[in-house]
C-alpha atoms as a PDB file:
ATOM      1  CA  UNK A   1     -63.325 -17.818  -3.772  1.00  0.00           C
ATOM      2  CA  UNK A   2     -64.561 -17.625  -7.604  1.00  0.00           C
ATOM      3  CA  UNK A   3     -65.167 -21.486  -8.553  1.00  0.00           C
ATOM      4  CA  UNK A   4     -63.013 -22.308 -11.685  1.00  0.00           C
ATOM      5  CA  UNK A   5     -63.681 -24.880 -13.957  1.00  0.00           C
ATOM      6  CA  UNK A   6     -61.880 -28.392 -14.209  1.00  0.00           C
ATOM      7  CA  UNK A   7     -62.746 -29.692 -17.449  1.00  0.00           C
ATOM      8  CA  UNK A   8     -63.285 -28.333 -20.676  1.00  0.00           C
ATOM      9  CA  UNK A   9     -65.609 -30.888 -23.504  1.00  0.00           C
ATOM     10  CA  UNK A  10     -64.847 -30.051 -27.059  1.00  0.00           C
ATOM     11  CA  UNK A  11     -67.471 -30.994 -29.458  1.00  0.00           C
ATOM     12  CA  UNK A  12     -65.324 -31.836 -32.889  1.00  0.00           C
ATOM     13  CA  UNK A  13     -67.408 -30.908 -35.993  1.00  0.00           C
ATOM     14  CA  UNK A  14     -68.016 -27.105 -36.021  1.00  0.00           C
ATOM     15  CA  UNK A  15     -65.899 -26.708 -33.044  1.00  0.00           C
ATOM     16  CA  UNK A  16     -62.410 -27.752 -33.890  1.00  0.00           C
ATOM     17  CA  UNK A  17     -63.037 -27.959 -37.832  1.00  0.00           C
ATOM     18  CA  UNK A  18     -65.854 -28.347 -39.954  1.00  0.00           C
ATOM     19  CA  UNK A  19     -66.152 -31.599 -41.240  1.00  0.00           C
ATOM     20  CA  UNK A  20     -70.321 -30.801 -42.012  1.00  0.00           C
ATOM     21  CA  UNK A  21     -69.557 -30.057 -45.448  1.00  0.00           C
ATOM     22  CA  UNK A  22     -68.067 -33.633 -46.146  1.00  0.00           C
ATOM     23  CA  UNK A  23     -71.046 -34.890 -43.897  1.00  0.00           C
ATOM     24  CA  UNK A  24     -73.132 -33.184 -46.342  1.00  0.00           C
ATOM     25  CA  UNK A  25     -72.020 -34.571 -49.636  1.00  0.00           C
ATOM     26  CA  UNK A  26     -71.373 -37.867 -48.221  1.00  0.00           C
ATOM     27  CA  UNK A  27     -75.250 -38.377 -46.937  1.00  0.00           C
ATOM     28  CA  UNK A  28     -76.162 -36.734 -50.139  1.00  0.00           C
ATOM     29  CA  UNK A  29     -74.388 -39.240 -52.635  1.00  0.00           C
ATOM     30  CA  UNK A  30     -75.683 -41.742 -50.512  1.00  0.00           C
ATOM     31  CA  UNK A  31     -79.479 -39.962 -50.394  1.00  0.00           C
ATOM     32  CA  UNK A  32     -79.364 -39.433 -54.035  1.00  0.00           C
ATOM     33  CA  UNK A  33     -78.803 -43.378 -54.886  1.00  0.00           C
ATOM     34  CA  UNK A  34     -81.887 -43.822 -52.962  1.00  0.00           C
ATOM     35  CA  UNK A  35     -83.865 -41.477 -54.759  1.00  0.00           C
ATOM     36  CA  UNK A  36     -83.960 -39.325 -51.785  1.00  0.00           C
ATOM     37  CA  UNK A  37     -83.229 -35.497 -52.070  1.00  0.00           C
ATOM     38  CA  UNK A  38     -82.833 -33.061 -49.286  1.00  0.00           C
ATOM     39  CA  UNK A  39     -80.990 -29.189 -48.866  1.00  0.00           C
ATOM     40  CA  UNK A  40     -78.678 -27.675 -46.424  1.00  0.00           C
ATOM     41  CA  UNK A  41     -81.452 -26.298 -44.140  1.00  0.00           C
ATOM     42  CA  UNK A  42     -82.681 -30.370 -43.440  1.00  0.00           C
ATOM     43  CA  UNK A  43     -78.775 -30.740 -42.822  1.00  0.00           C
ATOM     44  CA  UNK A  44     -78.938 -28.795 -39.940  1.00  0.00           C
ATOM     45  CA  UNK A  45     -80.830 -31.374 -38.073  1.00  0.00           C
ATOM     46  CA  UNK A  46     -78.036 -33.711 -38.595  1.00  0.00           C
ATOM     47  CA  UNK A  47     -75.483 -32.011 -36.929  1.00  0.00           C
ATOM     48  CA  UNK A  48     -74.322 -33.314 -33.481  1.00  0.00           C
ATOM     49  CA  UNK A  49     -76.409 -36.914 -33.696  1.00  0.00           C
ATOM     50  CA  UNK A  50     -75.429 -40.282 -34.145  1.00  0.00           C
ATOM     51  CA  UNK A  51     -74.518 -41.761 -37.974  1.00  0.00           C
ATOM     52  CA  UNK A  52     -77.894 -44.217 -37.459  1.00  0.00           C
ATOM     53  CA  UNK A  53     -80.261 -41.232 -36.215  1.00  0.00           C
ATOM     54  CA  UNK A  54     -79.049 -39.419 -39.003  1.00  0.00           C
ATOM     55  CA  UNK A  55     -79.910 -42.080 -41.702  1.00  0.00           C
ATOM     56  CA  UNK A  56     -83.124 -42.288 -39.701  1.00  0.00           C
ATOM     57  CA  UNK A  57     -83.807 -38.942 -40.632  1.00  0.00           C
ATOM     58  CA  UNK A  58     -82.906 -38.810 -44.175  1.00  0.00           C
ATOM     59  CA  UNK A  59     -84.674 -42.544 -44.553  1.00  0.00           C
ATOM     60  CA  UNK A  60     -88.060 -40.478 -42.927  1.00  0.00           C
ATOM     61  CA  UNK A  61     -87.768 -38.341 -46.353  1.00  0.00           C
ATOM     62  CA  UNK A  62     -88.534 -41.598 -48.539  1.00  0.00           C
ATOM     63  CA  UNK A  63     -91.847 -40.685 -50.117  1.00  0.00           C
ATOM     64  CA  UNK A  64     -92.079 -44.030 -51.658  1.00  0.00           C
ATOM     65  CA  UNK A  65     -92.497 -45.540 -47.944  1.00  0.00           C
ATOM     66  CA  UNK A  66     -89.478 -47.726 -48.674  1.00  0.00           C
ATOM     67  CA  UNK A  67     -88.860 -49.821 -45.854  1.00  0.00           C
ATOM     68  CA  UNK A  68     -85.164 -50.976 -44.884  1.00  0.00           C
ATOM     69  CA  UNK A  69     -83.808 -53.861 -42.232  1.00  0.00           C
ATOM     70  CA  UNK A  70     -81.333 -53.104 -39.532  1.00  0.00           C
ATOM     71  CA  UNK A  71     -78.518 -54.938 -41.262  1.00  0.00           C
ATOM     72  CA  UNK A  72     -79.736 -52.774 -44.894  1.00  0.00           C
ATOM     73  CA  UNK A  73     -79.469 -49.444 -42.587  1.00  0.00           C
ATOM     74  CA  UNK A  74     -75.861 -50.658 -41.482  1.00  0.00           C
ATOM     75  CA  UNK A  75     -74.677 -51.400 -44.607  1.00  0.00           C
ATOM     76  CA  UNK A  76     -75.912 -47.919 -45.893  1.00  0.00           C
ATOM     77  CA  UNK A  77     -74.698 -46.198 -42.859  1.00  0.00           C
ATOM     78  CA  UNK A  78     -71.113 -47.955 -43.885  1.00  0.00           C
ATOM     79  CA  UNK A  79     -71.411 -46.911 -47.237  1.00  0.00           C
ATOM     80  CA  UNK A  80     -71.956 -43.223 -46.116  1.00  0.00           C
ATOM     81  CA  UNK A  81     -68.326 -43.362 -43.647  1.00  0.00           C
ATOM     82  CA  UNK A  82     -66.701 -44.840 -46.573  1.00  0.00           C
ATOM     83  CA  UNK A  83     -67.511 -41.841 -48.734  1.00  0.00           C
ATOM     84  CA  UNK A  84     -66.670 -39.658 -45.796  1.00  0.00           C
ATOM     85  CA  UNK A  85     -63.204 -41.084 -45.147  1.00  0.00           C
ATOM     86  CA  UNK A  86     -62.424 -40.529 -48.671  1.00  0.00           C
ATOM     87  CA  UNK A  87     -63.332 -36.958 -48.404  1.00  0.00           C
ATOM     88  CA  UNK A  88     -61.695 -36.452 -44.810  1.00  0.00           C
ATOM     89  CA  UNK A  89     -58.107 -38.015 -46.084  1.00  0.00           C
ATOM     90  CA  UNK A  90     -57.487 -34.118 -47.496  1.00  0.00           C
ATOM     91  CA  UNK A  91     -57.945 -32.699 -44.105  1.00  0.00           C
ATOM     92  CA  UNK A  92     -54.904 -30.784 -42.576  1.00  0.00           C
ATOM     93  CA  UNK A  93     -53.857 -27.946 -39.525  1.00  0.00           C
ATOM     94  CA  UNK A  94     -54.842 -25.523 -41.918  1.00  0.00           C
ATOM     95  CA  UNK A  95     -58.474 -26.997 -41.227  1.00  0.00           C
ATOM     96  CA  UNK A  96     -58.410 -25.754 -37.723  1.00  0.00           C
ATOM     97  CA  UNK A  97     -61.121 -23.103 -37.290  1.00  0.00           C
ATOM     98  CA  UNK A  98     -59.919 -19.791 -36.614  1.00  0.00           C
ATOM     99  CA  UNK A  99     -59.169 -18.707 -32.984  1.00  0.00           C
ATOM    100  CA  UNK A 100     -59.235 -22.754 -31.527  1.00  0.00           C
ATOM    101  CA  UNK A 101     -55.435 -23.378 -31.156  1.00  0.00           C
ATOM    102  CA  UNK A 102     -55.409 -19.796 -28.685  1.00  0.00           C
ATOM    103  CA  UNK A 103     -58.573 -21.443 -27.080  1.00  0.00           C
ATOM    104  CA  UNK A 104     -56.682 -24.784 -26.680  1.00  0.00           C
ATOM    105  CA  UNK A 105     -53.487 -23.150 -25.689  1.00  0.00           C
ATOM    106  CA  UNK A 106     -55.150 -21.379 -23.002  1.00  0.00           C
ATOM    107  CA  UNK A 107     -57.211 -23.870 -21.551  1.00  0.00           C
ATOM    108  CA  UNK A 108     -53.712 -26.226 -21.660  1.00  0.00           C
ATOM    109  CA  UNK A 109     -52.297 -23.363 -19.186  1.00  0.00           C
ATOM    110  CA  UNK A 110     -55.457 -23.148 -17.282  1.00  0.00           C
ATOM    111  CA  UNK A 111     -54.685 -26.695 -15.742  1.00  0.00           C
ATOM    112  CA  UNK A 112     -58.384 -27.536 -16.360  1.00  0.00           C
ATOM    113  CA  UNK A 113     -58.175 -31.004 -18.377  1.00  0.00           C
ATOM    114  CA  UNK A 114     -59.528 -31.239 -21.883  1.00  0.00           C
ATOM    115  CA  UNK A 115     -61.583 -33.633 -23.221  1.00  0.00           C
ATOM    116  CA  UNK A 116     -63.511 -34.558 -26.942  1.00  0.00           C
ATOM    117  CA  UNK A 117     -67.342 -35.279 -26.856  1.00  0.00           C
ATOM    118  CA  UNK A 118     -68.086 -36.147 -30.490  1.00  0.00           C
ATOM    119  CA  UNK A 119     -70.896 -38.555 -31.946  1.00  0.00           C
ATOM    120  CA  UNK A 120     -68.302 -39.281 -34.918  1.00  0.00           C
ATOM    121  CA  UNK A 121     -66.494 -42.898 -34.770  1.00  0.00           C
ATOM    122  CA  UNK A 122     -63.837 -40.904 -36.803  1.00  0.00           C
ATOM    123  CA  UNK A 123     -62.904 -38.337 -33.934  1.00  0.00           C
ATOM    124  CA  UNK A 124     -59.310 -39.726 -32.890  1.00  0.00           C
ATOM    125  CA  UNK A 125     -58.285 -39.969 -36.264  1.00  0.00           C
ATOM    126  CA  UNK A 126     -59.201 -36.468 -37.892  1.00  0.00           C
ATOM    127  CA  UNK A 127     -57.705 -34.718 -34.362  1.00  0.00           C
ATOM    128  CA  UNK A 128     -54.335 -36.813 -35.921  1.00  0.00           C
ATOM    129  CA  UNK A 129     -54.796 -35.016 -38.913  1.00  0.00           C
ATOM    130  CA  UNK A 130     -55.458 -31.471 -37.855  1.00  0.00           C
ATOM    131  CA  UNK A 131     -52.490 -31.823 -35.352  1.00  0.00           C
ATOM    132  CA  UNK A 132     -54.680 -31.347 -32.000  1.00  0.00           C
ATOM    133  CA  UNK A 133     -54.510 -35.065 -30.689  1.00  0.00           C
ATOM    134  CA  UNK A 134     -51.614 -33.948 -27.904  1.00  0.00           C
ATOM    135  CA  UNK A 135     -53.894 -31.126 -26.426  1.00  0.00           C
ATOM    136  CA  UNK A 136     -56.596 -33.933 -25.413  1.00  0.00           C
ATOM    137  CA  UNK A 137     -56.606 -35.801 -22.016  1.00  0.00           C
ATOM    138  CA  UNK A 138     -59.451 -38.049 -22.925  1.00  0.00           C
ATOM    139  CA  UNK A 139     -61.775 -38.776 -26.215  1.00  0.00           C
ATOM    140  CA  UNK A 140     -65.564 -39.932 -25.815  1.00  0.00           C
ATOM    141  CA  UNK A 141     -66.773 -41.137 -29.428  1.00  0.00           C
ATOM    142  CA  UNK A 142     -69.820 -42.853 -30.310  1.00  0.00           C
ATOM    143  CA  UNK A 143     -68.312 -46.018 -29.370  1.00  0.00           C
ATOM    144  CA  UNK A 144     -68.009 -45.040 -26.032  1.00  0.00           C
ATOM    145  CA  UNK A 145     -71.540 -44.236 -25.394  1.00  0.00           C
ATOM    146  CA  UNK A 146     -75.126 -45.983 -25.743  1.00  0.00           C
ATOM    147  CA  UNK A 147     -77.105 -42.725 -26.285  1.00  0.00           C
ATOM    148  CA  UNK A 148     -75.809 -39.739 -28.784  1.00  0.00           C
ATOM    149  CA  UNK A 149     -76.380 -36.114 -28.059  1.00  0.00           C
ATOM    150  CA  UNK A 150     -79.341 -34.415 -27.113  1.00  0.00           C
ATOM    151  CA  UNK A 151     -78.644 -37.077 -24.094  1.00  0.00           C
ATOM    152  CA  UNK A 152     -76.199 -35.637 -21.762  1.00  0.00           C
ATOM    153  CA  UNK A 153     -74.427 -39.268 -21.538  1.00  0.00           C
ATOM    154  CA  UNK A 154     -71.251 -37.780 -23.797  1.00  0.00           C
ATOM    155  CA  UNK A 155     -70.299 -34.971 -21.421  1.00  0.00           C
ATOM    156  CA  UNK A 156     -70.885 -37.233 -18.021  1.00  0.00           C
ATOM    157  CA  UNK A 157     -68.373 -39.930 -19.531  1.00  0.00           C
ATOM    158  CA  UNK A 158     -66.146 -37.408 -19.939  1.00  0.00           C
ATOM    159  CA  UNK A 159     -66.665 -36.043 -16.407  1.00  0.00           C
ATOM    160  CA  UNK A 160     -66.851 -39.459 -14.792  1.00  0.00           C
ATOM    161  CA  UNK A 161     -63.432 -40.336 -16.803  1.00  0.00           C
ATOM    162  CA  UNK A 162     -61.603 -37.878 -14.494  1.00  0.00           C
ATOM    163  CA  UNK A 163     -64.068 -37.819 -11.511  1.00  0.00           C
ATOM    164  CA  UNK A 164     -64.781 -34.399 -11.833  1.00  0.00           C
ATOM    165  CA  UNK A 165     -68.444 -33.280 -10.546  1.00  0.00           C
ATOM    166  CA  UNK A 166     -70.460 -31.616 -13.750  1.00  0.00           C
ATOM    167  CA  UNK A 167     -70.790 -27.986 -12.298  1.00  0.00           C
ATOM    168  CA  UNK A 168     -67.332 -27.560 -12.933  1.00  0.00           C
ATOM    169  CA  UNK A 169     -67.427 -28.847 -16.291  1.00  0.00           C
ATOM    170  CA  UNK A 170     -67.575 -26.664 -19.537  1.00  0.00           C
ATOM    171  CA  UNK A 171     -68.785 -28.112 -22.940  1.00  0.00           C
ATOM    172  CA  UNK A 172     -68.406 -26.008 -26.258  1.00  0.00           C
ATOM    173  CA  UNK A 173     -71.079 -27.286 -28.862  1.00  0.00           C
ATOM    174  CA  UNK A 174     -72.215 -25.514 -32.031  1.00  0.00           C
ATOM    175  CA  UNK A 175     -75.140 -28.077 -32.392  1.00  0.00           C
ATOM    176  CA  UNK A 176     -78.788 -27.441 -30.702  1.00  0.00           C
ATOM    177  CA  UNK A 177     -78.901 -31.319 -29.471  1.00  0.00           C
ATOM    178  CA  UNK A 178     -74.946 -30.878 -27.993  1.00  0.00           C
ATOM    179  CA  UNK A 179     -76.083 -27.791 -26.191  1.00  0.00           C
ATOM    180  CA  UNK A 180     -79.092 -29.598 -25.000  1.00  0.00           C
ATOM    181  CA  UNK A 181     -76.855 -32.131 -23.858  1.00  0.00           C
ATOM    182  CA  UNK A 182     -74.821 -29.620 -21.556  1.00  0.00           C
ATOM    183  CA  UNK A 183     -77.162 -28.373 -20.386  1.00  0.00           C
ATOM    184  CA  UNK A 184     -78.857 -31.793 -19.483  1.00  0.00           C
ATOM    185  CA  UNK A 185     -76.053 -32.732 -18.012  1.00  0.00           C
ATOM    186  CA  UNK A 186     -75.904 -30.143 -15.587  1.00  0.00           C
ATOM    187  CA  UNK A 187     -72.803 -28.117 -16.974  1.00  0.00           C
ATOM    188  CA  UNK A 188     -72.336 -24.646 -18.381  1.00  0.00           C
ATOM    189  CA  UNK A 189     -72.842 -24.706 -22.171  1.00  0.00           C
ATOM    190  CA  UNK A 190     -70.813 -22.530 -24.808  1.00  0.00           C
ATOM    191  CA  UNK A 191     -72.855 -22.033 -27.913  1.00  0.00           C
ATOM    192  CA  UNK A 192     -71.122 -21.230 -31.207  1.00  0.00           C
ATOM    193  CA  UNK A 193     -73.298 -20.253 -33.962  1.00  0.00           C
ATOM    194  CA  UNK A 194     -76.813 -18.738 -34.577  1.00  0.00           C
ATOM    195  CA  UNK A 195     -78.690 -17.545 -31.498  1.00  0.00           C
ATOM    196  CA  UNK A 196     -82.125 -18.623 -33.330  1.00  0.00           C
ATOM    197  CA  UNK A 197     -80.683 -22.434 -32.666  1.00  0.00           C
ATOM    198  CA  UNK A 198     -78.262 -21.864 -29.690  1.00  0.00           C
ATOM    199  CA  UNK A 199     -80.528 -19.477 -27.874  1.00  0.00           C
ATOM    200  CA  UNK A 200     -80.276 -22.253 -24.854  1.00  0.00           C
ATOM    201  CA  UNK A 201     -76.932 -22.157 -24.268  1.00  0.00           C
ATOM    202  CA  UNK A 202     -75.292 -20.109 -21.027  1.00  0.00           C
ATOM    203  CA  UNK A 203     -73.026 -18.118 -23.552  1.00  0.00           C
ATOM    204  CA  UNK A 204     -72.788 -17.728 -26.739  1.00  0.00           C
ATOM    205  CA  UNK A 205     -70.784 -16.517 -29.364  1.00  0.00           C
ATOM    206  CA  UNK A 206     -71.255 -16.179 -33.354  1.00  0.00           C
ATOM    207  CA  UNK A 207     -68.027 -17.832 -34.344  1.00  0.00           C
ATOM    208  CA  UNK A 208     -65.088 -19.798 -32.970  1.00  0.00           C
ATOM    209  CA  UNK A 209     -63.137 -16.848 -33.519  1.00  0.00           C
ATOM    210  CA  UNK A 210     -64.906 -14.732 -31.095  1.00  0.00           C
ATOM    211  CA  UNK A 211     -64.118 -16.972 -28.211  1.00  0.00           C
ATOM    212  CA  UNK A 212     -61.804 -15.984 -25.583  1.00  0.00           C
ATOM    213  CA  UNK A 213     -61.195 -18.289 -22.455  1.00  0.00           C
ATOM    214  CA  UNK A 214     -60.892 -15.964 -19.898  1.00  0.00           C
ATOM    215  CA  UNK A 215     -64.454 -14.450 -20.920  1.00  0.00           C
ATOM    216  CA  UNK A 216     -65.619 -17.713 -20.906  1.00  0.00           C
ATOM    217  CA  UNK A 217     -64.242 -18.244 -17.189  1.00  0.00           C
ATOM    218  CA  UNK A 218     -65.735 -15.272 -16.013  1.00  0.00           C
ATOM    219  CA  UNK A 219     -69.155 -16.311 -17.446  1.00  0.00           C
ATOM    220  CA  UNK A 220     -68.849 -19.792 -15.643  1.00  0.00           C
ATOM    221  CA  UNK A 221     -67.768 -17.719 -12.535  1.00  0.00           C
ATOM    222  CA  UNK A 222     -70.839 -15.709 -12.256  1.00  0.00           C
ATOM    223  CA  UNK A 223     -73.269 -18.703 -12.737  1.00  0.00           C
ATOM    224  CA  UNK A 224     -71.739 -20.543 -10.386  1.00  0.00           C
ATOM    225  CA  UNK A 225     -71.199 -18.061  -7.667  1.00  0.00           C
ATOM    226  CA  UNK A 226     -72.381 -18.848  -4.445  1.00  0.00           C
ATOM    227  CA  UNK A 227     -72.773 -22.490  -5.250  1.00  0.00           C
END
């Protein structure tokens, strides 16, 4: 009998909706206030990692060699988040990425559980704004983990919440750090995006509109045949 996935773990940014632009604008505003500049290419490094890790990477661009205490860093991260929260007030169900609702519906019909695995502490609020909260059985956000992606904890915490074997889980990510985290957990990784960044995914599509639930399940079965 072909092995079937029992849990799908979704990233938020870049999979359910694209708030990357909002993050970019908020980080850029903070950075410019500190005399630091960065571009979209650098912003790719910030995808999928925690707020404090993102801040550390931005501060490392400061050529003046400025140093910040942990308390000062926390204040800066809070400033960024406040700016981000203002921007995401505009999010509605119209911001759901193409193909995602159909994929979620198929996931629900299959009987497999759904979890959200996001580095964002704002994940529950964004799910509500998108009108997707009802699909998810469990949410792992930054408050539930000690180590962010690429550490596998975000994904293992979700599996353990249901008592599901890691090998029976599928993780869906658009960030290289996220795909690495899924792979390190021993789960089946689905990447959405550029193969230049996501070639380590077990299954890869260029964009969310190409996600097909039955195809993912078939690929999962092929990898896990005989296990």
